[in-house]
Structure formats: structure tokens, C-alpha cells
Protein backbone atom coordinates (compact mmCIF):
# COMPACT_ATOMS: atom_id res chain seq x y z
CA MET A 1 -10.60 -0.57 9.84
CA ASN A 2 -7.54 0.04 12.02
CA TYR A 3 -5.13 2.68 10.89
CA ASN A 4 -2.98 5.46 12.25
CA LEU A 5 -3.28 9.01 11.01
CA ILE A 6 0.23 10.46 10.89
CA ASP A 7 0.99 14.18 10.63
CA LYS A 8 4.58 14.82 9.63
CA ASP A 9 6.39 17.58 7.74
CA ASP A 10 3.14 19.52 7.22
CA LYS A 11 1.62 16.49 5.48
CA ARG A 12 -0.74 13.78 6.59
CA TYR A 13 -0.89 10.11 5.70
CA ILE A 14 -2.74 6.95 6.65
CA GLU A 15 -0.73 3.99 7.93
CA TYR A 16 -2.83 0.83 7.66
CA ILE A 17 -1.91 -1.38 10.59
CA SER A 18 -4.70 -3.90 11.11
CA ASN A 19 -3.62 -7.46 11.80
CA GLU A 20 -7.25 -8.41 12.39
CA LYS A 21 -8.59 -7.52 8.96
CA LEU A 22 -6.24 -8.35 6.12
CA ILE A 23 -6.60 -6.67 2.77
CA SER A 24 -8.07 -9.65 0.99
CA LYS A 25 -10.62 -8.44 -1.55
CA GLU A 26 -11.00 -5.66 -4.06
CA THR A 27 -13.62 -3.84 -1.99
CA ASP A 28 -11.01 -3.36 0.75
CA ALA A 29 -9.45 -0.77 -1.56
CA MET A 30 -12.60 1.33 -1.20
CA ASP A 31 -12.24 1.22 2.59
CA LEU A 32 -8.67 2.50 2.26
CA ILE A 33 -9.79 5.23 -0.13
CA ALA A 34 -12.61 6.24 2.23
CA ALA A 35 -10.16 6.46 5.15
CA CYS A 36 -7.90 8.70 3.09
CA PHE A 37 -10.74 10.97 1.98
CA GLU A 38 -12.24 11.17 5.49
CA ASN A 39 -8.87 12.35 6.77
CA ASN A 40 -8.11 14.75 3.92
CA THR A 41 -5.09 12.91 2.55
CA ASN A 42 -4.11 11.00 -0.55
CA LEU A 43 -1.07 9.33 1.03
CA LEU A 44 -1.12 5.74 2.27
CA ILE A 45 1.40 3.33 3.78
CA ILE A 46 0.53 -0.38 3.91
CA HIS A 47 2.58 -3.02 5.73
CA TYR A 48 3.25 -6.51 4.35
CA GLU A 49 1.56 -8.12 7.36
CA THR A 50 -1.77 -6.50 6.48
CA LEU A 51 -1.93 -8.07 3.02
CA SER A 52 -3.47 -11.48 2.38
CA GLU A 53 -1.64 -14.26 0.57
CA ASP A 54 -3.92 -13.70 -2.43
CA PHE A 55 -2.45 -10.21 -2.81
CA PHE A 56 0.96 -11.75 -3.51
CA ASN A 57 -0.42 -14.37 -5.91
CA LEU A 58 -0.70 -12.46 -9.18
CA ARG A 59 -3.02 -15.12 -10.64
CA THR A 60 -5.79 -13.88 -8.35
CA GLY A 61 -5.57 -10.37 -9.83
CA LEU A 62 -6.07 -8.91 -6.37
CA ALA A 63 -2.89 -6.80 -6.25
CA GLY A 64 -3.55 -5.33 -9.67
CA ALA A 65 -7.20 -4.57 -8.92
CA ILE A 66 -6.47 -2.91 -5.58
CA LEU A 67 -3.50 -0.91 -6.81
CA GLN A 68 -5.38 0.23 -9.93
CA LYS A 69 -8.32 1.40 -7.84
CA LEU A 70 -5.97 3.38 -5.57
CA VAL A 71 -4.26 4.92 -8.60
CA ASN A 72 -7.64 5.84 -10.11
CA TYR A 73 -8.47 7.76 -6.93
CA LYS A 74 -5.01 9.36 -6.96
CA ILE A 75 -3.89 7.72 -3.72
CA LYS A 76 -0.09 7.53 -3.50
CA VAL A 77 0.85 4.21 -1.87
CA ALA A 78 4.00 2.92 -0.21
CA ILE A 79 4.02 -0.78 0.64
CA ILE A 80 6.57 -1.92 3.21
CA ILE A 81 7.96 -5.37 2.50
CA ALA A 82 10.98 -5.95 4.72
CA ASN A 83 11.93 -9.32 3.24
CA GLU A 84 11.27 -9.44 -0.51
CA GLU A 85 13.26 -12.67 -0.82
CA ASN A 86 10.27 -14.63 0.49
CA LEU A 87 8.04 -13.46 -2.36
CA ASN A 88 7.49 -15.43 -5.54
CA ASP A 89 9.41 -14.46 -8.66
CA ARG A 90 6.39 -13.04 -10.51
CA PHE A 91 5.54 -10.70 -7.63
CA ARG A 92 9.17 -9.56 -7.37
CA GLU A 93 9.05 -8.75 -11.09
CA MET A 94 5.96 -6.64 -10.46
CA ILE A 95 7.80 -4.83 -7.66
CA ILE A 96 10.66 -3.95 -9.98
CA GLU A 97 8.19 -2.37 -12.42
CA ALA A 98 6.18 -0.71 -9.66
CA ASN A 99 9.26 0.95 -8.22
CA LYS A 100 9.64 2.91 -11.47
CA ARG A 101 6.25 4.55 -10.89
CA ASP A 102 5.29 7.64 -8.95
CA ASP A 103 1.94 6.42 -7.64
CA TYR A 104 2.96 3.27 -5.74
CA ARG A 105 6.23 1.69 -4.70
CA THR A 106 7.60 -0.86 -2.25
CA PHE A 107 10.16 -0.24 0.46
CA ARG A 108 12.03 -2.30 3.02
CA ASN A 109 11.37 0.03 5.96
CA ILE A 110 9.12 2.79 7.23
CA THR A 111 11.83 5.48 6.98
CA ASP A 112 12.32 5.02 3.24
CA ALA A 113 8.57 4.74 2.69
CA GLU A 114 7.92 7.98 4.60
CA ASN A 115 10.70 9.83 2.78
CA TRP A 116 9.19 8.90 -0.59
CA ILE A 117 5.56 9.44 0.29
CA LEU A 118 6.20 12.83 1.90
CA ALA A 119 8.52 14.11 -0.85
């Protein structure tokens, strides 16, 4: 699993960056959780490019299963999606609801994601 460990503002977070291994199944959530625990953090940033197409297809249930698992382990997640216009309507609806939560949200850029996750 490729990720960066970022130390900023006296906090630490994992930035998942792998273009080789997309997040494509529910068990990938456990790999993300393990990376967080191994590095003594509960903060995670995931980029759009690291997510499989199934993640954005709500019929697969993948997004819900992964996000719920991360929430259960109290991992705070920021997902960076620079161009939300390319997403299907159902996923955009989910984003609107998600952005009301305090455990995971989507952002258009790394700066906004970092500001939220480190707050």
C-alpha cells in the first residue's frame, strides 16, 4: 500500500496516493485502517484517482461499506474530488449528505481537505 505520512500542525495523517492499487473492495478499508493505526493517526486523505469506478457506483455498495468501516474505527476521512461534475447524480447526492457529517467529507483540493481534517 502506497501512502504518505504527513506531519503538520502537530498532527499526523495518512495520504493514500497509490495509482497502482485502487481501492476496489471492502477489505481495502482494513488496509487503510491498519496504515492509520500503525502510524498512530486516525486521519486519512484519499484522492479521487485512487478509487475504483465501483466506489462511485452506489449500486455496488462499495462506498457505503468502506466509509462505514472507516467510521466504525473512528477514522476521519477527507476525499478529494476536484471535478464533481463528472460524477453520477446519485453519488453527488451522497456527497451533499456526507458533507454535513464530521467523520467524512469531500473536497475539491488538498488545502481545504487538510484544513478540515486538521481542525
